[in-house]
Amino acid sequence: MPTILRVPARLTAAERKATTTLFLAGPFDDDDGGRGGASWRDEVIAACADLDITIIDPRNDRWSELPVGSPGRRGAYEWQCAAAFDADVVIVWVPVGSHAPTALMILGYLGAKRSNAKRGSSVVVGGSGCDGLAMLFAQNQRLFPVGDELREVIRIARLQLDAAAGAKAGA
């Protein structure tokens, strides 16, 4: 059963070494995308219910109320970037019709911080929102562009989580 980590909590360095982590980046809107009331994040969490991992879920009701350009908004963005960079696997989900500017900024941050493909998080990217910008960036950065099916994004992320858990167990 996964542990869910929410804002503003962070893992210690020892906890990061001991657990496999998954960060969820994407739109925060309440649109369930036809999933029967569950958000895309809830669907990912449910699909990982059998895994012994820590899922970093950046949902926070207060963030939408923070004025653009405020120190609070910058702090929220910095927390998300740091948490995503520290995670073993990151899902960036931007479905058709969605605009997820923070997810796109996180994707850019991860691409810029990863100096080579063997370092940093495994980043699984899905959805064609923002006119396919996230998918194009993922292809250019040699991440894991998956497509428009959340189930396939989850399947690829689970493979990456298994690989990360194996690497930690062997270390």
C-alpha atoms as a PDB file:
ATOM      1  CA  MET A   1       0.000   0.000   0.000  1.00  0.00           C
ATOM      2  CA  PRO A   2       1.501   3.328  -0.995  1.00  0.00           C
ATOM      3  CA  THR A   3       2.176   6.177   1.376  1.00  0.00           C
ATOM      4  CA  ILE A   4       0.743   9.471   0.113  1.00  0.00           C
ATOM      5  CA  LEU A   5       2.916  12.523   0.739  1.00  0.00           C
ATOM      6  CA  ARG A   6       1.172  15.892   0.471  1.00  0.00           C
ATOM      7  CA  VAL A   7       2.291  19.489   0.566  1.00  0.00           C
ATOM      8  CA  PRO A   8       4.266  20.820   2.435  1.00  0.00           C
ATOM      9  CA  ALA A   9       5.833  17.573   3.697  1.00  0.00           C
ATOM     10  CA  ARG A  10       9.149  16.422   2.267  1.00  0.00           C
ATOM     11  CA  LEU A  11      11.092  13.221   2.536  1.00  0.00           C
ATOM     12  CA  THR A  12      14.377  13.242   4.397  1.00  0.00           C
ATOM     13  CA  ALA A  13      17.501  12.071   2.583  1.00  0.00           C
ATOM     14  CA  ALA A  14      17.320   8.754   4.459  1.00  0.00           C
ATOM     15  CA  GLU A  15      13.651   8.298   3.483  1.00  0.00           C
ATOM     16  CA  ARG A  16      14.471   9.037  -0.186  1.00  0.00           C
ATOM     17  CA  LYS A  17      17.087   6.284  -0.134  1.00  0.00           C
ATOM     18  CA  ALA A  18      14.728   3.809   1.541  1.00  0.00           C
ATOM     19  CA  THR A  19      11.561   4.248  -0.511  1.00  0.00           C
ATOM     20  CA  THR A  20      10.706   4.392  -4.182  1.00  0.00           C
ATOM     21  CA  THR A  21       8.850   7.597  -5.040  1.00  0.00           C
ATOM     22  CA  LEU A  22       6.357   8.683  -7.695  1.00  0.00           C
ATOM     23  CA  PHE A  23       5.531  12.362  -8.332  1.00  0.00           C
ATOM     24  CA  LEU A  24       2.271  13.325 -10.077  1.00  0.00           C
ATOM     25  CA  ALA A  25       2.464  16.433 -12.306  1.00  0.00           C
ATOM     26  CA  GLY A  26      -0.518  17.632 -14.298  1.00  0.00           C
ATOM     27  CA  PRO A  27      -3.668  19.742 -14.187  1.00  0.00           C
ATOM     28  CA  PHE A  28      -5.277  20.426 -10.834  1.00  0.00           C
ATOM     29  CA  ASP A  29      -8.758  21.087 -12.171  1.00  0.00           C
ATOM     30  CA  ASP A  30     -11.619  18.951 -10.892  1.00  0.00           C
ATOM     31  CA  ASP A  31     -12.595  17.666 -14.333  1.00  0.00           C
ATOM     32  CA  ASP A  32     -12.695  13.897 -14.049  1.00  0.00           C
ATOM     33  CA  GLY A  33     -12.232  13.381 -17.790  1.00  0.00           C
ATOM     34  CA  GLY A  34     -15.034  10.806 -17.898  1.00  0.00           C
ATOM     35  CA  ARG A  35     -13.592   8.721 -15.067  1.00  0.00           C
ATOM     36  CA  GLY A  36     -16.760   8.654 -12.964  1.00  0.00           C
ATOM     37  CA  GLY A  37     -15.881  11.316 -10.409  1.00  0.00           C
ATOM     38  CA  ALA A  38     -12.258  10.361  -9.780  1.00  0.00           C
ATOM     39  CA  SER A  39      -9.463  12.697 -10.814  1.00  0.00           C
ATOM     40  CA  TRP A  40      -6.596  11.392 -12.897  1.00  0.00           C
ATOM     41  CA  ARG A  41      -4.414  11.501  -9.773  1.00  0.00           C
ATOM     42  CA  ASP A  42      -6.904   9.318  -7.874  1.00  0.00           C
ATOM     43  CA  GLU A  43      -6.825   6.834 -10.750  1.00  0.00           C
ATOM     44  CA  VAL A  44      -3.012   6.641 -10.637  1.00  0.00           C
ATOM     45  CA  ILE A  45      -3.039   6.230  -6.846  1.00  0.00           C
ATOM     46  CA  ALA A  46      -5.619   3.435  -7.091  1.00  0.00           C
ATOM     47  CA  ALA A  47      -3.584   1.699  -9.812  1.00  0.00           C
ATOM     48  CA  CYS A  48      -0.553   1.707  -7.502  1.00  0.00           C
ATOM     49  CA  ALA A  49      -2.428   0.427  -4.444  1.00  0.00           C
ATOM     50  CA  ASP A  50      -0.449  -2.832  -4.452  1.00  0.00           C
ATOM     51  CA  LEU A  51       2.969  -1.137  -4.468  1.00  0.00           C
ATOM     52  CA  ASP A  52       5.130  -0.275  -1.470  1.00  0.00           C
ATOM     53  CA  ILE A  53       6.044   3.223  -2.661  1.00  0.00           C
ATOM     54  CA  THR A  54       5.596   6.854  -1.670  1.00  0.00           C
ATOM     55  CA  ILE A  55       3.366   8.868  -3.992  1.00  0.00           C
ATOM     56  CA  ILE A  56       3.971  12.601  -3.919  1.00  0.00           C
ATOM     57  CA  ASP A  57       0.624  14.237  -4.626  1.00  0.00           C
ATOM     58  CA  PRO A  58       1.015  18.035  -4.928  1.00  0.00           C
ATOM     59  CA  ARG A  59      -2.695  18.876  -4.600  1.00  0.00           C
ATOM     60  CA  ASN A  60      -3.313  21.754  -2.228  1.00  0.00           C
ATOM     61  CA  ASP A  61      -6.536  23.776  -2.136  1.00  0.00           C
ATOM     62  CA  ARG A  62      -4.701  26.955  -1.139  1.00  0.00           C
ATOM     63  CA  TRP A  63      -2.445  27.090  -4.208  1.00  0.00           C
ATOM     64  CA  SER A  64      -5.156  28.186  -6.621  1.00  0.00           C
ATOM     65  CA  GLU A  65      -5.834  31.199  -4.401  1.00  0.00           C
ATOM     66  CA  LEU A  66      -2.227  32.428  -4.457  1.00  0.00           C
ATOM     67  CA  PRO A  67      -1.766  35.521  -6.630  1.00  0.00           C
ATOM     68  CA  VAL A  68       0.409  35.066  -9.710  1.00  0.00           C
ATOM     69  CA  GLY A  69       3.867  36.445  -9.001  1.00  0.00           C
ATOM     70  CA  SER A  70       3.484  36.193  -5.229  1.00  0.00           C
ATOM     71  CA  PRO A  71       6.145  34.633  -2.983  1.00  0.00           C
ATOM     72  CA  GLY A  72       3.622  31.943  -2.048  1.00  0.00           C
ATOM     73  CA  ARG A  73       3.087  30.969  -5.696  1.00  0.00           C
ATOM     74  CA  ARG A  74       6.845  30.851  -6.230  1.00  0.00           C
ATOM     75  CA  GLY A  75       7.242  28.685  -3.126  1.00  0.00           C
ATOM     76  CA  ALA A  76       4.571  26.290  -4.401  1.00  0.00           C
ATOM     77  CA  TYR A  77       6.349  25.997  -7.734  1.00  0.00           C
ATOM     78  CA  GLU A  78       9.745  25.496  -6.059  1.00  0.00           C
ATOM     79  CA  TRP A  79       8.311  22.772  -3.776  1.00  0.00           C
ATOM     80  CA  GLN A  80       6.877  20.931  -6.780  1.00  0.00           C
ATOM     81  CA  CYS A  81      10.105  21.188  -8.799  1.00  0.00           C
ATOM     82  CA  ALA A  82      12.237  19.964  -5.886  1.00  0.00           C
ATOM     83  CA  ALA A  83       9.854  17.098  -5.105  1.00  0.00           C
ATOM     84  CA  ALA A  84       9.700  16.062  -8.780  1.00  0.00           C
ATOM     85  CA  PHE A  85      13.470  16.210  -9.170  1.00  0.00           C
ATOM     86  CA  ASP A  86      13.982  14.048  -6.064  1.00  0.00           C
ATOM     87  CA  ALA A  87      11.362  11.480  -7.145  1.00  0.00           C
ATOM     88  CA  ASP A  88      12.410   8.227  -8.772  1.00  0.00           C
ATOM     89  CA  VAL A  89       9.570   8.375 -11.311  1.00  0.00           C
ATOM     90  CA  VAL A  90       7.484  11.353 -12.446  1.00  0.00           C
ATOM     91  CA  ILE A  91       4.217  11.171 -14.335  1.00  0.00           C
ATOM     92  CA  VAL A  92       3.475  14.300 -16.360  1.00  0.00           C
ATOM     93  CA  TRP A  93      -0.133  14.019 -17.565  1.00  0.00           C
ATOM     94  CA  VAL A  94      -1.582  16.795 -19.728  1.00  0.00           C
ATOM     95  CA  PRO A  95      -4.773  15.452 -21.349  1.00  0.00           C
ATOM     96  CA  VAL A  96      -6.376  16.934 -24.452  1.00  0.00           C
ATOM     97  CA  GLY A  97      -8.191  20.151 -23.615  1.00  0.00           C
ATOM     98  CA  SER A  98      -6.112  20.771 -20.500  1.00  0.00           C
ATOM     99  CA  HIS A  99      -3.620  23.458 -19.795  1.00  0.00           C
ATOM    100  CA  ALA A 100      -1.209  22.590 -17.047  1.00  0.00           C
ATOM    101  CA  PRO A 101       1.379  25.368 -17.029  1.00  0.00           C
ATOM    102  CA  THR A 102       3.008  24.187 -13.807  1.00  0.00           C
ATOM    103  CA  ALA A 103       3.351  20.645 -15.179  1.00  0.00           C
ATOM    104  CA  LEU A 104       4.997  22.060 -18.305  1.00  0.00           C
ATOM    105  CA  MET A 105       7.378  24.128 -16.176  1.00  0.00           C
ATOM    106  CA  ILE A 106       8.216  21.034 -14.113  1.00  0.00           C
ATOM    107  CA  LEU A 107       8.853  19.107 -17.314  1.00  0.00           C
ATOM    108  CA  GLY A 108      11.208  21.856 -18.500  1.00  0.00           C
ATOM    109  CA  TYR A 109      12.920  21.949 -15.102  1.00  0.00           C
ATOM    110  CA  LEU A 110      13.485  18.182 -15.138  1.00  0.00           C
ATOM    111  CA  GLY A 111      14.807  18.299 -18.687  1.00  0.00           C
ATOM    112  CA  ALA A 112      17.219  21.104 -17.827  1.00  0.00           C
ATOM    113  CA  LYS A 113      18.443  19.491 -14.596  1.00  0.00           C
ATOM    114  CA  ARG A 114      19.025  16.049 -16.099  1.00  0.00           C
ATOM    115  CA  SER A 115      22.493  16.325 -17.560  1.00  0.00           C
ATOM    116  CA  ASN A 116      22.358  12.747 -18.846  1.00  0.00           C
ATOM    117  CA  ALA A 117      19.712  10.064 -19.209  1.00  0.00           C
ATOM    118  CA  LYS A 118      21.199   7.843 -16.485  1.00  0.00           C
ATOM    119  CA  ARG A 119      20.753  10.511 -13.818  1.00  0.00           C
ATOM    120  CA  GLY A 120      17.581  12.033 -12.496  1.00  0.00           C
ATOM    121  CA  SER A 121      14.017  10.857 -12.521  1.00  0.00           C
ATOM    122  CA  SER A 122      12.352   8.597 -15.048  1.00  0.00           C
ATOM    123  CA  VAL A 123       9.761  10.909 -16.566  1.00  0.00           C
ATOM    124  CA  VAL A 124       6.679   9.329 -18.150  1.00  0.00           C
ATOM    125  CA  VAL A 125       4.729  11.845 -20.226  1.00  0.00           C
ATOM    126  CA  GLY A 126       1.199  11.409 -21.530  1.00  0.00           C
ATOM    127  CA  GLY A 127      -1.625  13.400 -23.042  1.00  0.00           C
ATOM    128  CA  SER A 128      -1.830  15.787 -25.967  1.00  0.00           C
ATOM    129  CA  GLY A 129      -2.931  18.877 -24.057  1.00  0.00           C
ATOM    130  CA  CYS A 130      -1.318  22.235 -24.778  1.00  0.00           C
ATOM    131  CA  ASP A 131      -1.259  21.284 -28.466  1.00  0.00           C
ATOM    132  CA  GLY A 132       1.086  18.341 -27.832  1.00  0.00           C
ATOM    133  CA  LEU A 133       3.848  20.506 -26.360  1.00  0.00           C
ATOM    134  CA  ALA A 134       4.533  18.110 -23.450  1.00  0.00           C
ATOM    135  CA  MET A 135       4.856  15.126 -25.785  1.00  0.00           C
ATOM    136  CA  LEU A 136       7.150  17.009 -28.159  1.00  0.00           C
ATOM    137  CA  PHE A 137       9.375  18.099 -25.294  1.00  0.00           C
ATOM    138  CA  ALA A 138       9.460  14.524 -23.938  1.00  0.00           C
ATOM    139  CA  GLN A 139      10.583  13.220 -27.337  1.00  0.00           C
ATOM    140  CA  ASN A 140      13.303  15.861 -27.634  1.00  0.00           C
ATOM    141  CA  GLN A 141      14.606  15.192 -24.114  1.00  0.00           C
ATOM    142  CA  ARG A 142      14.554  11.380 -24.529  1.00  0.00           C
ATOM    143  CA  LEU A 143      12.042  10.926 -21.737  1.00  0.00           C
ATOM    144  CA  PHE A 144       9.149   8.443 -21.986  1.00  0.00           C
ATOM    145  CA  PRO A 145       6.443   9.928 -24.252  1.00  0.00           C
ATOM    146  CA  VAL A 146       3.553   7.478 -24.060  1.00  0.00           C
ATOM    147  CA  GLY A 147       0.416   8.861 -25.703  1.00  0.00           C
ATOM    148  CA  ASP A 148      -3.160   9.745 -24.834  1.00  0.00           C
ATOM    149  CA  GLU A 149      -4.180   6.761 -22.690  1.00  0.00           C
ATOM    150  CA  LEU A 150      -3.761   7.225 -18.938  1.00  0.00           C
ATOM    151  CA  ARG A 151      -3.780   3.430 -18.467  1.00  0.00           C
ATOM    152  CA  GLU A 152      -0.716   3.141 -20.692  1.00  0.00           C
ATOM    153  CA  VAL A 153       1.015   5.974 -18.825  1.00  0.00           C
ATOM    154  CA  ILE A 154       0.348   4.105 -15.576  1.00  0.00           C
ATOM    155  CA  ARG A 155       1.639   0.830 -17.049  1.00  0.00           C
ATOM    156  CA  ILE A 156       4.918   2.424 -18.176  1.00  0.00           C
ATOM    157  CA  ALA A 157       5.285   4.263 -14.846  1.00  0.00           C
ATOM    158  CA  ARG A 158       4.843   0.959 -12.972  1.00  0.00           C
ATOM    159  CA  LEU A 159       7.641  -0.579 -15.057  1.00  0.00           C
ATOM    160  CA  GLN A 160       9.855   2.387 -14.180  1.00  0.00           C
ATOM    161  CA  LEU A 161       8.904   2.083 -10.484  1.00  0.00           C
ATOM    162  CA  ASP A 162       9.853  -1.619 -10.536  1.00  0.00           C
ATOM    163  CA  ALA A 163      13.224  -0.761 -12.078  1.00  0.00           C
ATOM    164  CA  ALA A 164      13.827   2.002  -9.507  1.00  0.00           C
ATOM    165  CA  ALA A 165      12.892  -0.289  -6.615  1.00  0.00           C
ATOM    166  CA  GLY A 166      15.249  -2.958  -7.957  1.00  0.00           C
ATOM    167  CA  ALA A 167      18.075  -0.450  -8.259  1.00  0.00           C
ATOM    168  CA  LYS A 168      17.546   0.714  -4.671  1.00  0.00           C
ATOM    169  CA  ALA A 169      17.435  -2.870  -3.407  1.00  0.00           C
ATOM    170  CA  GLY A 170      20.724  -3.638  -5.188  1.00  0.00           C
ATOM    171  CA  ALA A 171      22.463  -0.505  -3.930  1.00  0.00           C
END
